Amino acid sequence: MAGDSDQLFDKLCQQLSMRAKLPGVNQVDILNLPSPLDSTLGKITRQGSITVSEFAYDLHLAQAQGKHLVKILVDKGYLYTESSGRQTICKIHFARKQKKRLPTDVWDALDF
């Protein structure tokens, strides 16, 4: 089992290292993550937060591997962390919504 978790950890680290840093994510960014990371971040989205221990457990990784993966996800802009007592909480770092601007000539197209 340890070999499987090491392989998964190595695969996820490699795939995440190739991704660009984001100023925050949206739902599509989460869905484009490799499995099982996409489902774990989906769980964080639904629940609002998760501890680093739960994160590692969800991915069947050792605690140290989970912490390292969280650090990579924070560096890449997918997560942010908060300290709560002795635990570290992970939350999704959502991108700010862009203000939508209508072109000024849209009203001309509506003239009858």
Protein backbone atom coordinates (compact mmCIF):
# COMPACT_ATOMS: atom_id res chain seq x y z
CA MET A 1 0.00 0.00 0.00
CA ALA A 2 2.84 2.40 0.81
CA GLY A 3 4.24 1.89 -2.69
CA ASP A 4 0.89 2.82 -4.22
CA SER A 5 0.64 6.01 -2.16
CA ASP A 6 4.23 6.91 -3.08
CA GLN A 7 3.43 6.44 -6.77
CA LEU A 8 0.27 8.53 -6.48
CA PHE A 9 2.14 11.22 -4.55
CA ASP A 10 4.92 11.36 -7.15
CA LYS A 11 2.41 11.47 -10.02
CA LEU A 12 0.39 14.29 -8.45
CA CYS A 13 3.50 16.32 -7.59
CA GLN A 14 4.80 15.94 -11.14
CA GLN A 15 1.51 16.94 -12.74
CA LEU A 16 1.03 19.91 -10.41
CA SER A 17 4.58 21.16 -10.98
CA MET A 18 3.77 21.58 -14.69
CA ARG A 19 0.76 23.82 -13.99
CA ALA A 20 0.96 27.58 -13.99
CA LYS A 21 0.34 29.57 -10.82
CA LEU A 22 -3.20 30.94 -10.71
CA PRO A 23 -4.54 34.00 -8.89
CA GLY A 24 -7.38 31.79 -7.71
CA VAL A 25 -9.46 29.05 -9.27
CA ASN A 26 -12.93 28.40 -10.58
CA GLN A 27 -14.86 25.16 -10.79
CA VAL A 28 -13.40 24.25 -14.21
CA ASP A 29 -9.85 24.50 -12.84
CA ILE A 30 -10.77 22.03 -10.09
CA LEU A 31 -12.39 19.60 -12.53
CA ASN A 32 -9.25 19.68 -14.70
CA LEU A 33 -7.06 18.39 -11.87
CA PRO A 34 -5.86 14.78 -12.02
CA SER A 35 -7.92 12.15 -10.22
CA PRO A 36 -8.31 11.70 -7.22
CA LEU A 37 -7.25 15.29 -6.49
CA ASP A 38 -10.25 16.67 -8.38
CA SER A 39 -12.70 14.81 -6.14
CA THR A 40 -10.87 15.85 -2.95
CA LEU A 41 -10.93 19.53 -3.96
CA GLY A 42 -14.58 19.05 -4.94
CA LYS A 43 -15.21 17.79 -1.42
CA ILE A 44 -13.50 20.90 0.00
CA THR A 45 -15.72 23.03 -2.24
CA ARG A 46 -18.87 21.33 -0.93
CA GLN A 47 -17.82 21.29 2.73
CA GLY A 48 -16.12 24.68 2.78
CA SER A 49 -12.91 23.41 4.38
CA ILE A 50 -10.95 20.31 5.35
CA THR A 51 -8.00 19.68 7.66
CA VAL A 52 -4.62 18.69 6.26
CA SER A 53 -5.03 15.33 8.03
CA GLU A 54 -8.36 14.73 6.29
CA PHE A 55 -6.80 15.81 3.00
CA ALA A 56 -4.02 13.23 3.35
CA TYR A 57 -6.49 10.55 4.48
CA ASP A 58 -8.81 11.26 1.52
CA LEU A 59 -5.94 10.72 -0.90
CA HIS A 60 -4.56 7.70 1.00
CA LEU A 61 -1.27 9.50 1.58
CA ALA A 62 1.03 9.76 4.57
CA GLN A 63 0.62 12.91 6.68
CA ALA A 64 3.91 14.40 5.45
CA GLN A 65 2.96 13.75 1.82
CA GLY A 66 -0.42 15.40 2.37
CA LYS A 67 1.25 18.47 3.90
CA HIS A 68 3.65 18.70 0.97
CA LEU A 69 0.82 18.40 -1.57
CA VAL A 70 -1.17 21.11 0.24
CA LYS A 71 1.89 23.37 0.09
CA ILE A 72 2.15 22.83 -3.67
CA LEU A 73 -1.57 23.57 -4.10
CA VAL A 74 -1.19 26.75 -2.04
CA ASP A 75 1.82 27.81 -4.13
CA LYS A 76 -0.14 27.16 -7.35
CA GLY A 77 -3.13 29.19 -6.15
CA TYR A 78 -5.66 26.37 -5.67
CA LEU A 79 -5.85 26.46 -1.87
CA TYR A 80 -5.17 28.71 1.07
CA THR A 81 -4.68 27.58 4.64
CA GLU A 82 -5.69 28.88 8.04
CA SER A 83 -4.52 27.77 11.45
CA SER A 84 -7.20 26.63 13.85
CA GLY A 85 -5.65 25.65 17.15
CA ARG A 86 -3.24 22.83 16.39
CA GLN A 87 -4.81 22.02 13.03
CA THR A 88 -4.31 23.56 9.62
CA ILE A 89 -7.48 24.08 7.62
CA CYS A 90 -7.48 24.05 3.80
CA LYS A 91 -9.93 26.13 1.79
CA ILE A 92 -10.38 26.68 -1.94
CA HIS A 93 -8.84 29.91 -3.20
CA PHE A 94 -11.56 31.03 -5.58
CA ALA A 95 -10.75 33.63 -8.21
CA ARG A 96 -12.55 36.93 -8.06
CA LYS A 97 -15.36 37.21 -10.53
CA GLN A 98 -14.59 39.48 -13.42
CA LYS A 99 -16.87 42.46 -13.83
CA LYS A 100 -18.85 41.99 -16.98
CA ARG A 101 -18.98 44.97 -19.23
CA LEU A 102 -21.39 45.25 -22.08
CA PRO A 103 -20.12 46.88 -25.25
CA THR A 104 -21.52 50.37 -25.64
CA ASP A 105 -22.99 49.58 -29.04
CA VAL A 106 -25.21 46.83 -27.64
CA TRP A 107 -28.00 49.37 -27.25
CA ASP A 108 -27.75 50.30 -30.93
CA ALA A 109 -28.45 46.71 -31.87
CA LEU A 110 -31.63 46.82 -29.80
CA ASP A 111 -33.05 49.92 -31.52
CA PHE A 112 -36.13 49.11 -33.55
